[in-house]
Amino acid sequence: MALCMMSFDSYEPHEDEPYMNARQRAWFRNRLLAQRENLVQEARRRLREIREADMVQVADMLDRSASETWRDQELRVQARFREVLDRNTQALRLIEEGEYGYCVLTGEPIGIPRLLALPDALYCYEVQQIREKQGALPGISPH
């Protein structure tokens, strides 16, 4: 599958330009699409490994225990992939709606530095801190 990547090799969004201008939105869209492709490929690879491991019969109790522990860890990783993929999908939708880069709770700008570090961020730093302190899952939509 070919991604519609614009050539921004020398471009990186910065705070000295108008916030969420067309160039920034296109750059972040491409970055989110690349992130999505990487997540999907890695999730598929890990699922294949889980399926292959499930086919192997383990006779030794210690080996079986280690295998089950590994499988449980891999399933937790898969759940994390789904969370990130959900945030990624929501961020791409927000780009299409012209609302990307703004906190989904307050409407305040998330900020270029935060988006460079976490392009699928849905909340500004302050709201994210509150959500984490309250035990809310980071990045999950309040809806």
N, C-alpha and C. Protein backbone atom coordinates (compact mmCIF):
# COMPACT_ATOMS: atom_id res chain seq x y z
N MET A 1 0.84 -1.17 0.00
CA MET A 1 0.00 0.00 0.00
C MET A 1 0.89 1.23 0.00
N ALA A 2 0.67 2.12 -0.90
CA ALA A 2 1.49 3.33 -0.99
C ALA A 2 0.86 4.42 -0.12
N LEU A 3 1.69 5.02 0.70
CA LEU A 3 1.22 6.13 1.52
C LEU A 3 1.38 7.41 0.73
N CYS A 4 0.44 8.34 0.90
CA CYS A 4 0.59 9.61 0.20
C CYS A 4 1.50 10.48 1.04
N MET A 5 2.77 10.34 0.80
CA MET A 5 3.77 11.08 1.54
C MET A 5 4.24 12.26 0.70
N MET A 6 4.12 13.44 1.27
CA MET A 6 4.67 14.61 0.61
C MET A 6 6.13 14.69 1.03
N SER A 7 6.95 15.25 0.23
CA SER A 7 8.37 15.33 0.54
C SER A 7 8.63 16.52 1.47
N PHE A 8 8.81 16.21 2.74
CA PHE A 8 9.12 17.23 3.73
C PHE A 8 10.44 16.88 4.40
N ASP A 9 11.37 16.31 3.63
CA ASP A 9 12.63 15.85 4.18
C ASP A 9 13.31 16.92 5.02
N SER A 10 13.34 18.14 4.54
CA SER A 10 14.03 19.20 5.27
C SER A 10 13.08 20.01 6.14
N TYR A 11 11.80 19.71 6.07
CA TYR A 11 10.81 20.47 6.83
C TYR A 11 10.45 19.75 8.12
N GLU A 12 10.36 20.51 9.17
CA GLU A 12 9.79 20.02 10.43
C GLU A 12 9.02 21.18 11.04
N PRO A 13 7.80 20.93 11.46
CA PRO A 13 7.01 22.02 12.05
C PRO A 13 7.74 22.67 13.23
N HIS A 14 7.56 23.98 13.36
CA HIS A 14 8.15 24.68 14.50
C HIS A 14 7.18 25.74 15.00
N GLU A 15 7.47 26.24 16.17
CA GLU A 15 6.56 27.17 16.83
C GLU A 15 6.59 28.59 16.26
N ASP A 16 7.55 28.88 15.38
CA ASP A 16 7.67 30.22 14.82
C ASP A 16 6.78 30.46 13.61
N GLU A 17 5.95 29.50 13.27
CA GLU A 17 5.04 29.66 12.13
C GLU A 17 3.61 29.55 12.65
N PRO A 18 2.64 29.99 11.85
CA PRO A 18 1.24 29.91 12.30
C PRO A 18 0.87 28.47 12.69
N TYR A 19 0.23 28.35 13.84
CA TYR A 19 -0.11 27.05 14.40
C TYR A 19 -1.12 26.30 13.52
N MET A 20 -0.81 25.07 13.24
CA MET A 20 -1.64 24.15 12.46
C MET A 20 -1.99 24.71 11.09
N ASN A 21 -0.98 25.29 10.45
CA ASN A 21 -1.17 25.74 9.07
C ASN A 21 -1.24 24.50 8.17
N ALA A 22 -1.53 24.69 6.90
CA ALA A 22 -1.73 23.57 5.97
C ALA A 22 -0.48 22.69 5.88
N ARG A 23 0.69 23.30 5.89
CA ARG A 23 1.93 22.52 5.79
C ARG A 23 2.12 21.63 7.02
N GLN A 24 1.85 22.19 8.20
CA GLN A 24 1.95 21.40 9.43
C GLN A 24 0.95 20.26 9.43
N ARG A 25 -0.29 20.54 9.06
CA ARG A 25 -1.31 19.48 9.04
C ARG A 25 -0.90 18.35 8.09
N ALA A 26 -0.40 18.72 6.91
CA ALA A 26 0.03 17.70 5.95
C ALA A 26 1.20 16.90 6.50
N TRP A 27 2.14 17.57 7.14
CA TRP A 27 3.31 16.89 7.70
C TRP A 27 2.88 15.91 8.80
N PHE A 28 2.01 16.36 9.71
CA PHE A 28 1.54 15.48 10.78
C PHE A 28 0.67 14.35 10.23
N ARG A 29 -0.12 14.63 9.21
CA ARG A 29 -0.93 13.57 8.59
C ARG A 29 -0.02 12.47 8.06
N ASN A 30 1.03 12.86 7.34
CA ASN A 30 1.97 11.87 6.82
C ASN A 30 2.65 11.10 7.95
N ARG A 31 3.00 11.80 8.99
CA ARG A 31 3.64 11.13 10.14
C ARG A 31 2.68 10.14 10.79
N LEU A 32 1.42 10.53 10.93
CA LEU A 32 0.41 9.63 11.51
C LEU A 32 0.16 8.42 10.62
N LEU A 33 0.13 8.64 9.30
CA LEU A 33 -0.06 7.51 8.38
C LEU A 33 1.12 6.53 8.47
N ALA A 34 2.32 7.06 8.58
CA ALA A 34 3.50 6.20 8.72
C ALA A 34 3.45 5.44 10.05
N GLN A 35 3.05 6.14 11.11
CA GLN A 35 2.91 5.49 12.42
C GLN A 35 1.89 4.35 12.33
N ARG A 36 0.78 4.63 11.67
CA ARG A 36 -0.29 3.63 11.53
C ARG A 36 0.23 2.39 10.80
N GLU A 37 0.93 2.61 9.70
CA GLU A 37 1.46 1.49 8.92
C GLU A 37 2.44 0.66 9.77
N ASN A 38 3.31 1.33 10.51
CA ASN A 38 4.26 0.62 11.38
C ASN A 38 3.55 -0.18 12.47
N LEU A 39 2.53 0.42 13.07
CA LEU A 39 1.76 -0.28 14.11
C LEU A 39 1.09 -1.53 13.57
N VAL A 40 0.46 -1.40 12.43
CA VAL A 40 -0.26 -2.52 11.83
C VAL A 40 0.72 -3.65 11.48
N GLN A 41 1.85 -3.29 10.87
CA GLN A 41 2.83 -4.32 10.50
C GLN A 41 3.39 -5.02 11.73
N GLU A 42 3.73 -4.25 12.76
CA GLU A 42 4.28 -4.86 13.98
C GLU A 42 3.22 -5.71 14.70
N ALA A 43 1.99 -5.26 14.75
CA ALA A 43 0.93 -6.04 15.39
C ALA A 43 0.71 -7.36 14.64
N ARG A 44 0.71 -7.31 13.32
CA ARG A 44 0.56 -8.54 12.53
C ARG A 44 1.70 -9.51 12.77
N ARG A 45 2.92 -8.98 12.82
CA ARG A 45 4.09 -9.83 13.05
C ARG A 45 3.99 -10.51 14.42
N ARG A 46 3.61 -9.75 15.42
CA ARG A 46 3.49 -10.32 16.77
C ARG A 46 2.36 -11.34 16.86
N LEU A 47 1.26 -11.07 16.17
CA LEU A 47 0.15 -12.04 16.17
C LEU A 47 0.57 -13.35 15.52
N ARG A 48 1.33 -13.25 14.43
CA ARG A 48 1.85 -14.47 13.80
C ARG A 48 2.70 -15.27 14.79
N GLU A 49 3.55 -14.57 15.53
CA GLU A 49 4.41 -15.24 16.52
C GLU A 49 3.57 -15.93 17.60
N ILE A 50 2.51 -15.26 18.03
CA ILE A 50 1.63 -15.86 19.05
C ILE A 50 0.98 -17.12 18.49
N ARG A 51 0.46 -17.03 17.27
CA ARG A 51 -0.20 -18.19 16.65
C ARG A 51 0.78 -19.35 16.47
N GLU A 52 1.99 -19.04 16.02
CA GLU A 52 3.00 -20.09 15.85
C GLU A 52 3.37 -20.72 17.18
N ALA A 53 3.48 -19.91 18.21
CA ALA A 53 3.82 -20.44 19.54
C ALA A 53 2.68 -21.29 20.08
N ASP A 54 1.44 -20.92 19.77
CA ASP A 54 0.29 -21.70 20.22
C ASP A 54 0.27 -23.10 19.60
N MET A 55 0.87 -23.24 18.43
CA MET A 55 0.88 -24.54 17.75
C MET A 55 1.92 -25.50 18.34
N VAL A 56 2.89 -24.96 19.05
CA VAL A 56 3.95 -25.79 19.62
C VAL A 56 3.47 -26.40 20.94
N GLN A 57 3.58 -27.70 21.04
CA GLN A 57 3.21 -28.41 22.27
C GLN A 57 4.41 -28.38 23.21
N VAL A 58 4.19 -27.91 24.44
CA VAL A 58 5.26 -27.83 25.42
C VAL A 58 4.93 -28.82 26.54
N ALA A 59 5.82 -29.80 26.70
CA ALA A 59 5.58 -30.86 27.69
C ALA A 59 6.06 -30.46 29.08
N ASP A 60 7.18 -29.80 29.16
CA ASP A 60 7.76 -29.44 30.45
C ASP A 60 6.95 -28.33 31.12
N MET A 61 6.65 -28.48 32.40
CA MET A 61 5.83 -27.50 33.13
C MET A 61 6.49 -26.12 33.17
N LEU A 62 7.81 -26.07 33.38
CA LEU A 62 8.49 -24.78 33.41
C LEU A 62 8.45 -24.10 32.05
N ASP A 63 8.66 -24.87 31.00
CA ASP A 63 8.58 -24.31 29.66
C ASP A 63 7.17 -23.83 29.34
N ARG A 64 6.19 -24.60 29.77
CA ARG A 64 4.79 -24.22 29.53
C ARG A 64 4.47 -22.92 30.28
N SER A 65 4.94 -22.81 31.52
CA SER A 65 4.70 -21.61 32.30
C SER A 65 5.36 -20.39 31.65
N ALA A 66 6.60 -20.56 31.20
CA ALA A 66 7.30 -19.46 30.53
C ALA A 66 6.58 -19.08 29.24
N SER A 67 6.11 -20.07 28.52
CA SER A 67 5.39 -19.82 27.27
C SER A 67 4.09 -19.06 27.53
N GLU A 68 3.38 -19.43 28.57
CA GLU A 68 2.13 -18.75 28.90
C GLU A 68 2.38 -17.32 29.38
N THR A 69 3.46 -17.13 30.13
CA THR A 69 3.82 -15.78 30.57
C THR A 69 4.15 -14.90 29.38
N TRP A 70 4.94 -15.44 28.43
CA TRP A 70 5.28 -14.70 27.22
C TRP A 70 4.02 -14.35 26.44
N ARG A 71 3.12 -15.32 26.31
CA ARG A 71 1.87 -15.10 25.56
C ARG A 71 1.03 -14.01 26.21
N ASP A 72 0.92 -14.03 27.54
CA ASP A 72 0.17 -12.99 28.25
C ASP A 72 0.78 -11.61 28.01
N GLN A 73 2.10 -11.54 28.03
CA GLN A 73 2.77 -10.26 27.77
C GLN A 73 2.49 -9.79 26.34
N GLU A 74 2.54 -10.69 25.40
CA GLU A 74 2.28 -10.33 24.01
C GLU A 74 0.84 -9.85 23.82
N LEU A 75 -0.09 -10.46 24.52
CA LEU A 75 -1.49 -10.02 24.43
C LEU A 75 -1.66 -8.63 25.03
N ARG A 76 -0.91 -8.31 26.09
CA ARG A 76 -0.96 -6.96 26.65
C ARG A 76 -0.37 -5.96 25.66
N VAL A 77 0.69 -6.35 24.97
CA VAL A 77 1.27 -5.48 23.95
C VAL A 77 0.26 -5.25 22.84
N GLN A 78 -0.46 -6.28 22.44
CA GLN A 78 -1.49 -6.13 21.40
C GLN A 78 -2.57 -5.15 21.85
N ALA A 79 -2.96 -5.21 23.11
CA ALA A 79 -3.96 -4.28 23.64
C ALA A 79 -3.42 -2.85 23.57
N ARG A 80 -2.15 -2.68 23.87
CA ARG A 80 -1.53 -1.35 23.79
C ARG A 80 -1.49 -0.87 22.34
N PHE A 81 -1.18 -1.76 21.40
CA PHE A 81 -1.21 -1.40 19.98
C PHE A 81 -2.59 -0.90 19.59
N ARG A 82 -3.63 -1.58 20.07
CA ARG A 82 -5.00 -1.16 19.74
C ARG A 82 -5.29 0.24 20.30
N GLU A 83 -4.83 0.53 21.52
CA GLU A 83 -5.04 1.85 22.10
C GLU A 83 -4.36 2.93 21.25
N VAL A 84 -3.11 2.68 20.87
CA VAL A 84 -2.38 3.66 20.07
C VAL A 84 -3.02 3.80 18.70
N LEU A 85 -3.45 2.69 18.12
CA LEU A 85 -4.12 2.74 16.81
C LEU A 85 -5.43 3.52 16.90
N ASP A 86 -6.16 3.36 18.00
CA ASP A 86 -7.39 4.14 18.19
C ASP A 86 -7.09 5.63 18.27
N ARG A 87 -6.04 6.00 19.02
CA ARG A 87 -5.65 7.42 19.10
C ARG A 87 -5.21 7.93 17.73
N ASN A 88 -4.47 7.10 17.01
CA ASN A 88 -4.00 7.46 15.68
C ASN A 88 -5.19 7.73 14.76
N THR A 89 -6.17 6.85 14.79
CA THR A 89 -7.38 7.00 13.97
C THR A 89 -8.10 8.28 14.32
N GLN A 90 -8.22 8.56 15.62
CA GLN A 90 -8.90 9.78 16.04
C GLN A 90 -8.12 11.02 15.62
N ALA A 91 -6.79 10.97 15.71
CA ALA A 91 -5.98 12.12 15.30
C ALA A 91 -6.13 12.37 13.80
N LEU A 92 -6.13 11.31 13.00
CA LEU A 92 -6.32 11.47 11.55
C LEU A 92 -7.70 12.05 11.25
N ARG A 93 -8.70 11.62 11.99
CA ARG A 93 -10.05 12.18 11.80
C ARG A 93 -10.05 13.67 12.15
N LEU A 94 -9.35 14.03 13.23
CA LEU A 94 -9.29 15.43 13.63
C LEU A 94 -8.59 16.29 12.57
N ILE A 95 -7.58 15.73 11.91
CA ILE A 95 -6.93 16.47 10.82
C ILE A 95 -7.94 16.75 9.73
N GLU A 96 -8.71 15.73 9.35
CA GLU A 96 -9.71 15.90 8.29
C GLU A 96 -10.76 16.93 8.69
N GLU A 97 -11.07 17.01 9.98
CA GLU A 97 -12.09 17.95 10.46
C GLU A 97 -11.52 19.33 10.77
N GLY A 98 -10.20 19.48 10.65
CA GLY A 98 -9.56 20.76 10.92
C GLY A 98 -9.40 21.06 12.40
N GLU A 99 -9.47 20.04 13.24
CA GLU A 99 -9.38 20.25 14.69
C GLU A 99 -8.13 19.61 15.30
N TYR A 100 -7.26 19.08 14.46
CA TYR A 100 -6.04 18.44 14.95
C TYR A 100 -5.13 19.47 15.60
N GLY A 101 -4.47 19.05 16.67
CA GLY A 101 -3.52 19.93 17.35
C GLY A 101 -4.14 20.69 18.50
N TYR A 102 -5.42 20.47 18.73
CA TYR A 102 -6.13 21.14 19.81
C TYR A 102 -6.69 20.08 20.77
N CYS A 103 -6.58 20.35 22.05
CA CYS A 103 -7.05 19.44 23.08
C CYS A 103 -8.53 19.13 22.87
N VAL A 104 -8.88 17.84 22.84
CA VAL A 104 -10.27 17.47 22.61
C VAL A 104 -11.17 17.81 23.79
N LEU A 105 -10.58 18.13 24.93
CA LEU A 105 -11.37 18.47 26.11
C LEU A 105 -11.51 19.98 26.28
N THR A 106 -10.41 20.71 26.10
CA THR A 106 -10.43 22.16 26.36
C THR A 106 -10.42 23.02 25.12
N GLY A 107 -9.98 22.45 24.00
CA GLY A 107 -9.86 23.23 22.77
C GLY A 107 -8.57 24.04 22.70
N GLU A 108 -7.74 23.97 23.73
CA GLU A 108 -6.47 24.68 23.76
C GLU A 108 -5.45 23.98 22.85
N PRO A 109 -4.51 24.74 22.28
CA PRO A 109 -3.47 24.11 21.46
C PRO A 109 -2.65 23.10 22.27
N ILE A 110 -2.38 21.97 21.66
CA ILE A 110 -1.55 20.94 22.30
C ILE A 110 -0.09 21.38 22.24
N GLY A 111 0.30 22.02 21.17
CA GLY A 111 1.65 22.55 21.03
C GLY A 111 2.52 21.69 20.14
N ILE A 112 3.33 22.34 19.35
CA ILE A 112 4.21 21.66 18.40
C ILE A 112 5.18 20.71 19.11
N PRO A 113 5.87 21.13 20.18
CA PRO A 113 6.81 20.20 20.81
C PRO A 113 6.15 18.89 21.27
N ARG A 114 4.97 18.99 21.86
CA ARG A 114 4.26 17.78 22.31
C ARG A 114 3.84 16.92 21.12
N LEU A 115 3.36 17.55 20.04
CA LEU A 115 2.94 16.79 18.87
C LEU A 115 4.12 16.16 18.13
N LEU A 116 5.28 16.81 18.17
CA LEU A 116 6.46 16.20 17.58
C LEU A 116 6.84 14.94 18.34
N ALA A 117 6.71 14.99 19.66
CA ALA A 117 7.03 13.83 20.49
C ALA A 117 5.95 12.76 20.42
N LEU A 118 4.70 13.19 20.31
CA LEU A 118 3.56 12.27 20.34
C LEU A 118 2.51 12.77 19.34
N PRO A 119 2.67 12.45 18.06
CA PRO A 119 1.78 13.01 17.05
C PRO A 119 0.31 12.62 17.21
N ASP A 120 0.04 11.55 17.96
CA ASP A 120 -1.35 11.15 18.18
C ASP A 120 -1.91 11.68 19.50
N ALA A 121 -1.25 12.68 20.08
CA ALA A 121 -1.74 13.28 21.32
C ALA A 121 -3.11 13.92 21.08
N LEU A 122 -4.03 13.66 21.99
CA LEU A 122 -5.37 14.22 21.88
C LEU A 122 -5.63 15.29 22.94
N TYR A 123 -4.76 15.33 23.93
CA TYR A 123 -4.94 16.25 25.05
C TYR A 123 -3.71 17.12 25.23
N CYS A 124 -3.92 18.35 25.69
CA CYS A 124 -2.80 19.20 26.05
C CYS A 124 -2.14 18.59 27.28
N TYR A 125 -0.93 19.00 27.55
CA TYR A 125 -0.13 18.41 28.63
C TYR A 125 -0.86 18.47 29.97
N GLU A 126 -1.45 19.61 30.29
CA GLU A 126 -2.11 19.78 31.59
C GLU A 126 -3.27 18.81 31.76
N VAL A 127 -4.10 18.69 30.75
CA VAL A 127 -5.25 17.77 30.81
C VAL A 127 -4.76 16.33 30.90
N GLN A 128 -3.73 15.99 30.15
CA GLN A 128 -3.19 14.63 30.19
C GLN A 128 -2.68 14.30 31.58
N GLN A 129 -2.02 15.25 32.24
CA GLN A 129 -1.52 15.03 33.60
C GLN A 129 -2.68 14.76 34.56
N ILE A 130 -3.74 15.51 34.45
CA ILE A 130 -4.91 15.32 35.31
C ILE A 130 -5.54 13.96 35.05
N ARG A 131 -5.68 13.60 33.78
CA ARG A 131 -6.27 12.30 33.42
C ARG A 131 -5.45 11.16 34.01
N GLU A 132 -4.13 11.25 33.92
CA GLU A 132 -3.28 10.18 34.44
C GLU A 132 -3.37 10.10 35.96
N LYS A 133 -3.45 11.25 36.64
CA LYS A 133 -3.58 11.25 38.10
C LYS A 133 -4.91 10.66 38.53
N GLN A 134 -5.95 10.88 37.73
CA GLN A 134 -7.27 10.35 38.05
C GLN A 134 -7.44 8.89 37.63
N GLY A 135 -6.41 8.37 36.96
CA GLY A 135 -6.46 6.97 36.56
C GLY A 135 -7.11 6.72 35.22
N ALA A 136 -7.40 7.79 34.48
CA ALA A 136 -7.97 7.60 33.14
C ALA A 136 -6.89 7.06 32.23
N LEU A 137 -7.28 6.25 31.28
CA LEU A 137 -6.32 5.73 30.32
C LEU A 137 -5.83 6.86 29.44
N PRO A 138 -4.52 7.03 29.32
CA PRO A 138 -3.99 8.11 28.48
C PRO A 138 -4.45 7.99 27.04
N GLY A 139 -4.95 9.09 26.52
CA GLY A 139 -5.26 9.16 25.10
C GLY A 139 -6.60 8.60 24.70
N ILE A 140 -7.38 8.04 25.61
CA ILE A 140 -8.67 7.48 25.25
C ILE A 140 -9.71 8.59 25.28
N SER A 141 -10.49 8.64 24.26
CA SER A 141 -11.49 9.68 24.09
C SER A 141 -12.49 9.68 25.27
N PRO A 142 -12.92 10.86 25.70
CA PRO A 142 -13.88 10.93 26.80
C PRO A 142 -15.29 10.54 26.39
N HIS A 143 -15.51 10.29 25.12
CA HIS A 143 -16.86 9.97 24.62
C HIS A 143 -17.18 8.54 24.84
